[in-house]
C-alpha atoms as a PDB file:
ATOM      1  CA  PRO A   1     -28.365 112.569 -10.244  1.00  0.00           C
ATOM      2  CA  ALA A   2     -25.977 115.206 -11.632  1.00  0.00           C
ATOM      3  CA  ALA A   3     -27.090 117.818  -9.090  1.00  0.00           C
ATOM      4  CA  PRO A   4     -24.857 116.823  -6.111  1.00  0.00           C
ATOM      5  CA  ALA A   5     -21.680 116.942  -8.264  1.00  0.00           C
ATOM      6  CA  PRO A   6     -20.488 120.420  -7.144  1.00  0.00           C
ATOM      7  CA  ALA A   7     -20.333 119.305  -3.499  1.00  0.00           C
ATOM      8  CA  PRO A   8     -16.645 118.173  -3.517  1.00  0.00           C
ATOM      9  CA  ALA A   9     -15.610 121.468  -5.125  1.00  0.00           C
ATOM     10  CA  ALA A  10     -17.509 123.356  -2.437  1.00  0.00           C
ATOM     11  CA  ALA A  11     -15.837 121.227   0.241  1.00  0.00           C
ATOM     12  CA  ALA A  12     -12.432 121.980  -1.287  1.00  0.00           C
ATOM     13  CA  ALA A  13     -13.228 125.686  -1.240  1.00  0.00           C
ATOM     14  CA  ASP A  14     -13.972 125.390   2.478  1.00  0.00           C
ATOM     15  CA  GLU A  15     -10.556 123.920   3.277  1.00  0.00           C
ATOM     16  CA  PRO A  16      -8.488 127.144   3.105  1.00  0.00           C
ATOM     17  CA  LYS A  17     -11.194 128.846   5.151  1.00  0.00           C
ATOM     18  CA  ALA A  18     -10.902 126.107   7.806  1.00  0.00           C
ATOM     19  CA  ALA A  19      -7.113 126.505   7.810  1.00  0.00           C
ATOM     20  CA  ALA A  20      -7.458 130.275   8.214  1.00  0.00           C
ATOM     21  CA  GLU A  21      -9.881 129.770  11.098  1.00  0.00           C
ATOM     22  CA  GLU A  22      -7.433 127.323  12.702  1.00  0.00           C
ATOM     23  CA  GLU A  23      -4.722 129.967  12.439  1.00  0.00           C
ATOM     24  CA  GLU A  24      -6.915 132.620  14.054  1.00  0.00           C
ATOM     25  CA  LYS A  25      -7.735 130.344  16.976  1.00  0.00           C
ATOM     26  CA  GLY A  26      -4.029 130.014  17.771  1.00  0.00           C
ATOM     27  CA  PRO A  27      -2.620 127.005  19.647  1.00  0.00           C
ATOM     28  CA  MET A  28      -4.958 124.196  20.672  1.00  0.00           C
ATOM     29  CA  THR A  29      -6.277 124.287  24.214  1.00  0.00           C
ATOM     30  CA  ARG A  30      -5.008 121.637  26.603  1.00  0.00           C
ATOM     31  CA  GLU A  31      -8.507 120.149  26.644  1.00  0.00           C
ATOM     32  CA  ALA A  32      -8.509 119.822  22.843  1.00  0.00           C
ATOM     33  CA  ILE A  33      -5.030 118.236  22.890  1.00  0.00           C
ATOM     34  CA  ALA A  34      -6.174 115.734  25.560  1.00  0.00           C
ATOM     35  CA  SER A  35      -9.302 114.974  23.544  1.00  0.00           C
ATOM     36  CA  ASP A  36      -7.208 114.280  20.411  1.00  0.00           C
ATOM     37  CA  LEU A  37      -4.791 112.168  22.479  1.00  0.00           C
ATOM     38  CA  PHE A  38      -7.746 110.086  23.651  1.00  0.00           C
ATOM     39  CA  ALA A  39      -8.829 109.490  20.051  1.00  0.00           C
ATOM     40  CA  GLU A  40      -5.299 108.441  19.020  1.00  0.00           C
ATOM     41  CA  ILE A  41      -4.793 106.107  21.990  1.00  0.00           C
ATOM     42  CA  ALA A  42      -8.293 104.607  22.161  1.00  0.00           C
ATOM     43  CA  LYS A  43      -8.371 103.849  18.409  1.00  0.00           C
ATOM     44  CA  GLY A  44     -12.160 103.932  18.264  1.00  0.00           C
ATOM     45  CA  ALA A  45     -12.783 102.285  21.654  1.00  0.00           C
ATOM     46  CA  THR A  46     -14.921 104.013  24.287  1.00  0.00           C
ATOM     47  CA  HIS A  47     -12.210 103.723  26.958  1.00  0.00           C
ATOM     48  CA  VAL A  48      -8.408 103.798  27.197  1.00  0.00           C
ATOM     49  CA  ASP A  49      -7.630 100.534  28.984  1.00  0.00           C
ATOM     50  CA  LYS A  50      -4.341  99.362  30.500  1.00  0.00           C
ATOM     51  CA  ALA A  51      -3.032  97.849  27.239  1.00  0.00           C
ATOM     52  CA  ALA A  52      -3.759 101.057  25.306  1.00  0.00           C
ATOM     53  CA  TRP A  53      -2.200 103.167  28.059  1.00  0.00           C
ATOM     54  CA  ASN A  54       0.951 101.008  28.035  1.00  0.00           C
ATOM     55  CA  ARG A  55       1.302 101.515  24.279  1.00  0.00           C
ATOM     56  CA  PHE A  56       1.098 105.242  24.975  1.00  0.00           C
ATOM     57  CA  VAL A  57       3.632 105.046  27.845  1.00  0.00           C
ATOM     58  CA  LYS A  58       6.184 103.579  25.429  1.00  0.00           C
ATOM     59  CA  ALA A  59       5.735 106.627  23.194  1.00  0.00           C
ATOM     60  CA  MET A  60       6.210 109.074  26.075  1.00  0.00           C
ATOM     61  CA  PRO A  61       9.522 110.898  26.511  1.00  0.00           C
ATOM     62  CA  GLY A  62      11.764 109.173  29.017  1.00  0.00           C
ATOM     63  CA  GLU A  63       9.617 106.057  29.262  1.00  0.00           C
ATOM     64  CA  GLU A  64      10.630 102.654  27.955  1.00  0.00           C
ATOM     65  CA  ASP A  65       8.576 100.075  29.786  1.00  0.00           C
ATOM     66  CA  GLU A  66       5.050  99.353  30.816  1.00  0.00           C
ATOM     67  CA  MET A  67       3.621 100.882  33.966  1.00  0.00           C
ATOM     68  CA  PRO A  68       4.682  99.049  37.119  1.00  0.00           C
ATOM     69  CA  ASP A  69       2.043  96.895  38.810  1.00  0.00           C
ATOM     70  CA  GLY A  70      -0.138  98.992  41.026  1.00  0.00           C
ATOM     71  CA  ALA A  71       0.569 102.263  39.175  1.00  0.00           C
ATOM     72  CA  TRP A  72      -2.327 101.737  36.739  1.00  0.00           C
ATOM     73  CA  GLU A  73      -4.707 100.878  39.574  1.00  0.00           C
ATOM     74  CA  GLY A  74      -3.543 103.946  41.525  1.00  0.00           C
ATOM     75  CA  MET A  75      -4.009 106.213  38.537  1.00  0.00           C
ATOM     76  CA  CYS A  76      -7.490 104.801  37.885  1.00  0.00           C
ATOM     77  CA  SER A  77      -8.585 105.209  41.482  1.00  0.00           C
ATOM     78  CA  GLU A  78      -7.343 108.832  41.513  1.00  0.00           C
ATOM     79  CA  GLY A  79      -9.038 109.540  38.195  1.00  0.00           C
ATOM     80  CA  GLY A  80     -12.310 107.857  39.144  1.00  0.00           C
ATOM     81  CA  ALA A  81     -11.891 105.125  36.507  1.00  0.00           C
ATOM     82  CA  SER A  82     -12.307 101.360  36.703  1.00  0.00           C
ATOM     83  CA  PRO A  83      -8.935  99.537  36.348  1.00  0.00           C
ATOM     84  CA  ALA A  84     -10.612  96.815  34.267  1.00  0.00           C
ATOM     85  CA  GLU A  85     -12.371  99.201  31.901  1.00  0.00           C
ATOM     86  CA  GLY A  86      -9.981 102.163  31.946  1.00  0.00           C
ATOM     87  CA  PHE A  87     -10.608 105.840  31.266  1.00  0.00           C
ATOM     88  CA  SER A  88     -13.636 107.163  29.424  1.00  0.00           C
ATOM     89  CA  LYS A  89     -12.996 110.211  27.247  1.00  0.00           C
ATOM     90  CA  SER A  90     -14.186 112.667  29.919  1.00  0.00           C
ATOM     91  CA  ALA A  91     -12.142 110.934  32.662  1.00  0.00           C
ATOM     92  CA  PHE A  92      -9.090 110.887  30.362  1.00  0.00           C
ATOM     93  CA  VAL A  93      -9.380 114.601  29.566  1.00  0.00           C
ATOM     94  CA  LYS A  94      -9.853 115.336  33.278  1.00  0.00           C
ATOM     95  CA  LEU A  95      -6.650 113.377  34.024  1.00  0.00           C
ATOM     96  CA  TRP A  96      -4.607 115.773  31.875  1.00  0.00           C
ATOM     97  CA  MET A  97      -6.218 118.817  33.486  1.00  0.00           C
ATOM     98  CA  SER A  98      -5.319 117.618  37.011  1.00  0.00           C
ATOM     99  CA  GLU A  99      -2.286 118.407  39.172  1.00  0.00           C
ATOM    100  CA  ASP A 100      -0.920 114.877  38.799  1.00  0.00           C
ATOM    101  CA  ALA A 101       2.758 114.449  37.818  1.00  0.00           C
ATOM    102  CA  VAL A 102       1.795 113.089  34.387  1.00  0.00           C
ATOM    103  CA  ALA A 103      -0.570 115.983  33.839  1.00  0.00           C
ATOM    104  CA  ARG A 104       2.149 118.526  34.576  1.00  0.00           C
ATOM    105  CA  MET A 105       3.723 117.788  31.192  1.00  0.00           C
ATOM    106  CA  PRO A 106       3.700 121.101  29.304  1.00  0.00           C
ATOM    107  CA  ASP A 107       1.135 121.569  26.515  1.00  0.00           C
ATOM    108  CA  GLU A 108       3.972 121.730  23.985  1.00  0.00           C
ATOM    109  CA  VAL A 109       5.207 118.266  24.980  1.00  0.00           C
ATOM    110  CA  LEU A 110       1.672 116.906  24.713  1.00  0.00           C
ATOM    111  CA  THR A 111       1.412 118.416  21.224  1.00  0.00           C
ATOM    112  CA  LEU A 112       4.691 116.720  20.219  1.00  0.00           C
ATOM    113  CA  LEU A 113       3.412 113.455  21.719  1.00  0.00           C
ATOM    114  CA  LEU A 114       0.196 113.774  19.743  1.00  0.00           C
ATOM    115  CA  SER A 115       2.221 114.374  16.591  1.00  0.00           C
ATOM    116  CA  ALA A 116       4.324 111.259  17.348  1.00  0.00           C
ATOM    117  CA  LEU A 117       1.210 109.116  17.844  1.00  0.00           C
ATOM    118  CA  LYS A 118      -0.383 110.406  14.636  1.00  0.00           C
ATOM    119  CA  GLN A 119       2.790 109.633  12.676  1.00  0.00           C
ATOM    120  CA  GLY A 120       3.321 106.298  14.421  1.00  0.00           C
ATOM    121  CA  LEU A 121       6.868 107.365  15.335  1.00  0.00           C
ATOM    122  CA  PRO A 122       8.778 107.368  18.632  1.00  0.00           C
ATOM    123  CA  PHE A 123       8.582 110.737  20.432  1.00  0.00           C
ATOM    124  CA  TRP A 124      12.305 111.464  20.054  1.00  0.00           C
ATOM    125  CA  GLU A 125      12.248 110.746  16.337  1.00  0.00           C
ATOM    126  CA  VAL A 126       9.557 113.402  15.931  1.00  0.00           C
ATOM    127  CA  VAL A 127      11.667 115.845  17.979  1.00  0.00           C
ATOM    128  CA  ALA A 128      14.763 115.001  15.880  1.00  0.00           C
ATOM    129  CA  ASN A 129      12.765 115.568  12.667  1.00  0.00           C
ATOM    130  CA  ASP A 130      11.518 118.908  14.003  1.00  0.00           C
ATOM    131  CA  VAL A 131      15.032 119.959  15.055  1.00  0.00           C
ATOM    132  CA  PHE A 132      16.257 119.291  11.516  1.00  0.00           C
ATOM    133  CA  ALA A 133      13.302 121.137  10.009  1.00  0.00           C
ATOM    134  CA  VAL A 134      13.998 124.188  12.214  1.00  0.00           C
ATOM    135  CA  LEU A 135      17.824 124.195  12.256  1.00  0.00           C
ATOM    136  CA  ALA A 136      19.307 122.271   9.356  1.00  0.00           C
ATOM    137  CA  LYS A 137      17.424 123.988   6.505  1.00  0.00           C
ATOM    138  CA  GLY A 138      18.082 121.060   4.166  1.00  0.00           C
ATOM    139  CA  ALA A 139      21.540 120.181   5.545  1.00  0.00           C
ATOM    140  CA  THR A 140      22.357 116.570   6.431  1.00  0.00           C
ATOM    141  CA  HIS A 141      23.850 117.432   9.843  1.00  0.00           C
ATOM    142  CA  VAL A 142      23.258 119.923  12.648  1.00  0.00           C
ATOM    143  CA  ASP A 143      26.570 121.411  13.760  1.00  0.00           C
ATOM    144  CA  LYS A 144      27.593 122.962  17.056  1.00  0.00           C
ATOM    145  CA  ALA A 145      26.503 126.486  16.025  1.00  0.00           C
ATOM    146  CA  ALA A 146      23.028 125.266  15.048  1.00  0.00           C
ATOM    147  CA  MET A 147      22.640 123.283  18.261  1.00  0.00           C
ATOM    148  CA  GLY A 148      23.904 126.371  20.108  1.00  0.00           C
ATOM    149  CA  ARG A 149      20.758 128.207  18.956  1.00  0.00           C
ATOM    150  CA  LEU A 150      18.669 125.531  20.690  1.00  0.00           C
ATOM    151  CA  TRP A 151      20.902 125.737  23.774  1.00  0.00           C
ATOM    152  CA  LYS A 152      20.306 129.512  24.079  1.00  0.00           C
ATOM    153  CA  ALA A 153      16.589 129.210  23.283  1.00  0.00           C
ATOM    154  CA  ALA A 154      16.272 126.675  26.114  1.00  0.00           C
ATOM    155  CA  GLY A 155      17.593 129.329  28.525  1.00  0.00           C
ATOM    156  CA  GLU A 156      21.022 127.736  29.034  1.00  0.00           C
ATOM    157  CA  GLU A 157      23.964 130.020  29.887  1.00  0.00           C
ATOM    158  CA  GLY A 158      26.661 130.868  27.335  1.00  0.00           C
ATOM    159  CA  GLU A 159      27.662 128.295  24.717  1.00  0.00           C
ATOM    160  CA  ILE A 160      27.536 124.491  24.697  1.00  0.00           C
ATOM    161  CA  PRO A 161      30.791 123.632  26.553  1.00  0.00           C
ATOM    162  CA  ASP A 162      33.464 122.414  24.083  1.00  0.00           C
ATOM    163  CA  GLY A 163      34.227 119.283  26.049  1.00  0.00           C
ATOM    164  CA  GLU A 164      30.549 118.342  26.205  1.00  0.00           C
ATOM    165  CA  TRP A 165      30.049 118.707  22.437  1.00  0.00           C
ATOM    166  CA  GLU A 166      33.212 116.698  21.596  1.00  0.00           C
ATOM    167  CA  ALA A 167      32.346 113.952  24.092  1.00  0.00           C
ATOM    168  CA  MET A 168      28.803 113.672  22.779  1.00  0.00           C
ATOM    169  CA  CYS A 169      29.943 113.509  19.146  1.00  0.00           C
ATOM    170  CA  SER A 170      32.574 110.881  19.887  1.00  0.00           C
ATOM    171  CA  GLU A 171      30.133 108.756  21.908  1.00  0.00           C
ATOM    172  CA  TYR A 172      27.642 108.711  19.039  1.00  0.00           C
ATOM    173  CA  GLY A 173      30.152 108.293  16.210  1.00  0.00           C
ATOM    174  CA  ALA A 174      29.773 111.849  14.890  1.00  0.00           C
ATOM    175  CA  SER A 175      32.448 114.324  13.824  1.00  0.00           C
ATOM    176  CA  PRO A 176      32.580 117.396  16.125  1.00  0.00           C
ATOM    177  CA  ALA A 177      33.252 119.600  13.074  1.00  0.00           C
ATOM    178  CA  GLU A 178      30.415 118.193  10.976  1.00  0.00           C
ATOM    179  CA  GLY A 179      27.918 117.627  13.790  1.00  0.00           C
ATOM    180  CA  LEU A 180      25.045 115.198  14.224  1.00  0.00           C
ATOM    181  CA  SER A 181      23.119 113.397  11.514  1.00  0.00           C
ATOM    182  CA  LYS A 182      19.397 112.844  12.111  1.00  0.00           C
ATOM    183  CA  PRO A 183      19.839 109.190  13.264  1.00  0.00           C
ATOM    184  CA  ALA A 184      22.664 110.284  15.613  1.00  0.00           C
ATOM    185  CA  LEU A 185      20.533 113.097  17.070  1.00  0.00           C
ATOM    186  CA  PHE A 186      17.610 110.717  17.574  1.00  0.00           C
ATOM    187  CA  LYS A 187      19.917 108.288  19.398  1.00  0.00           C
ATOM    188  CA  VAL A 188      21.439 111.034  21.595  1.00  0.00           C
ATOM    189  CA  MET A 189      18.047 112.279  22.710  1.00  0.00           C
ATOM    190  CA  LYS A 190      16.707 108.810  23.345  1.00  0.00           C
ATOM    191  CA  GLU A 191      19.690 107.924  25.540  1.00  0.00           C
ATOM    192  CA  ASP A 192      20.856 111.225  27.043  1.00  0.00           C
ATOM    193  CA  ARG A 193      18.069 112.568  29.256  1.00  0.00           C
ATOM    194  CA  GLY A 194      19.936 115.785  30.157  1.00  0.00           C
ATOM    195  CA  MET A 195      20.449 116.762  26.564  1.00  0.00           C
ATOM    196  CA  CYS A 196      17.036 115.793  25.301  1.00  0.00           C
ATOM    197  CA  GLU A 197      15.402 118.075  27.830  1.00  0.00           C
ATOM    198  CA  TRP A 198      17.115 121.261  26.649  1.00  0.00           C
ATOM    199  CA  VAL A 199      16.751 120.204  23.009  1.00  0.00           C
ATOM    200  CA  TRP A 200      12.964 120.042  23.128  1.00  0.00           C
ATOM    201  CA  LYS A 201      12.732 123.122  25.367  1.00  0.00           C
ATOM    202  CA  GLY A 202      14.781 125.068  22.817  1.00  0.00           C
ATOM    203  CA  LEU A 203      12.791 123.593  19.941  1.00  0.00           C
ATOM    204  CA  ILE A 204       9.511 124.759  21.485  1.00  0.00           C
ATOM    205  CA  GLU A 205      10.932 128.304  21.773  1.00  0.00           C
ATOM    206  CA  LEU A 206      12.316 128.387  18.228  1.00  0.00           C
ATOM    207  CA  LYS A 207       9.154 126.989  16.641  1.00  0.00           C
END
């Protein structure tokens, strides 16, 4: 009975090796991301049905509500899935590899979405957390200079315009000198589509 005891130690020894292998492989392929998304959304079911998809839609950037009537049926018919049953894993993965508008989401956004689903957090909260991890370095606020790094990384010209920074801070109850707290940044990105786009684009570049 004592013989199997070393197994956990052996498994633990394998972990760094697995991490090193992961590093060597580089970023996940789109297919692997889609496959992991399926697992997170389906929660053990064989198909992603309309209810599961709607839960996912609420987590997506820029989406608040459920899919409009007819949109689910249209997506299923394009993806060769039954509206009643939903998408099997292979049909779901195929959906993300297609030229459809949904599928044109960049891999990096899908990775952030996957991270949000795994953490059970709204997409923008995950982005806000990542922004703080990358820019704030332990600070409680991200100021204009820090956000300016994101602005440049996103390919925007020059600096964040003064008026735009002041207006944004005043709208969200932040001090222009001090900058945005994490809850304020989360709120800005959730409500200001123009800003949230360059924030995550810059974040992807800086990461």
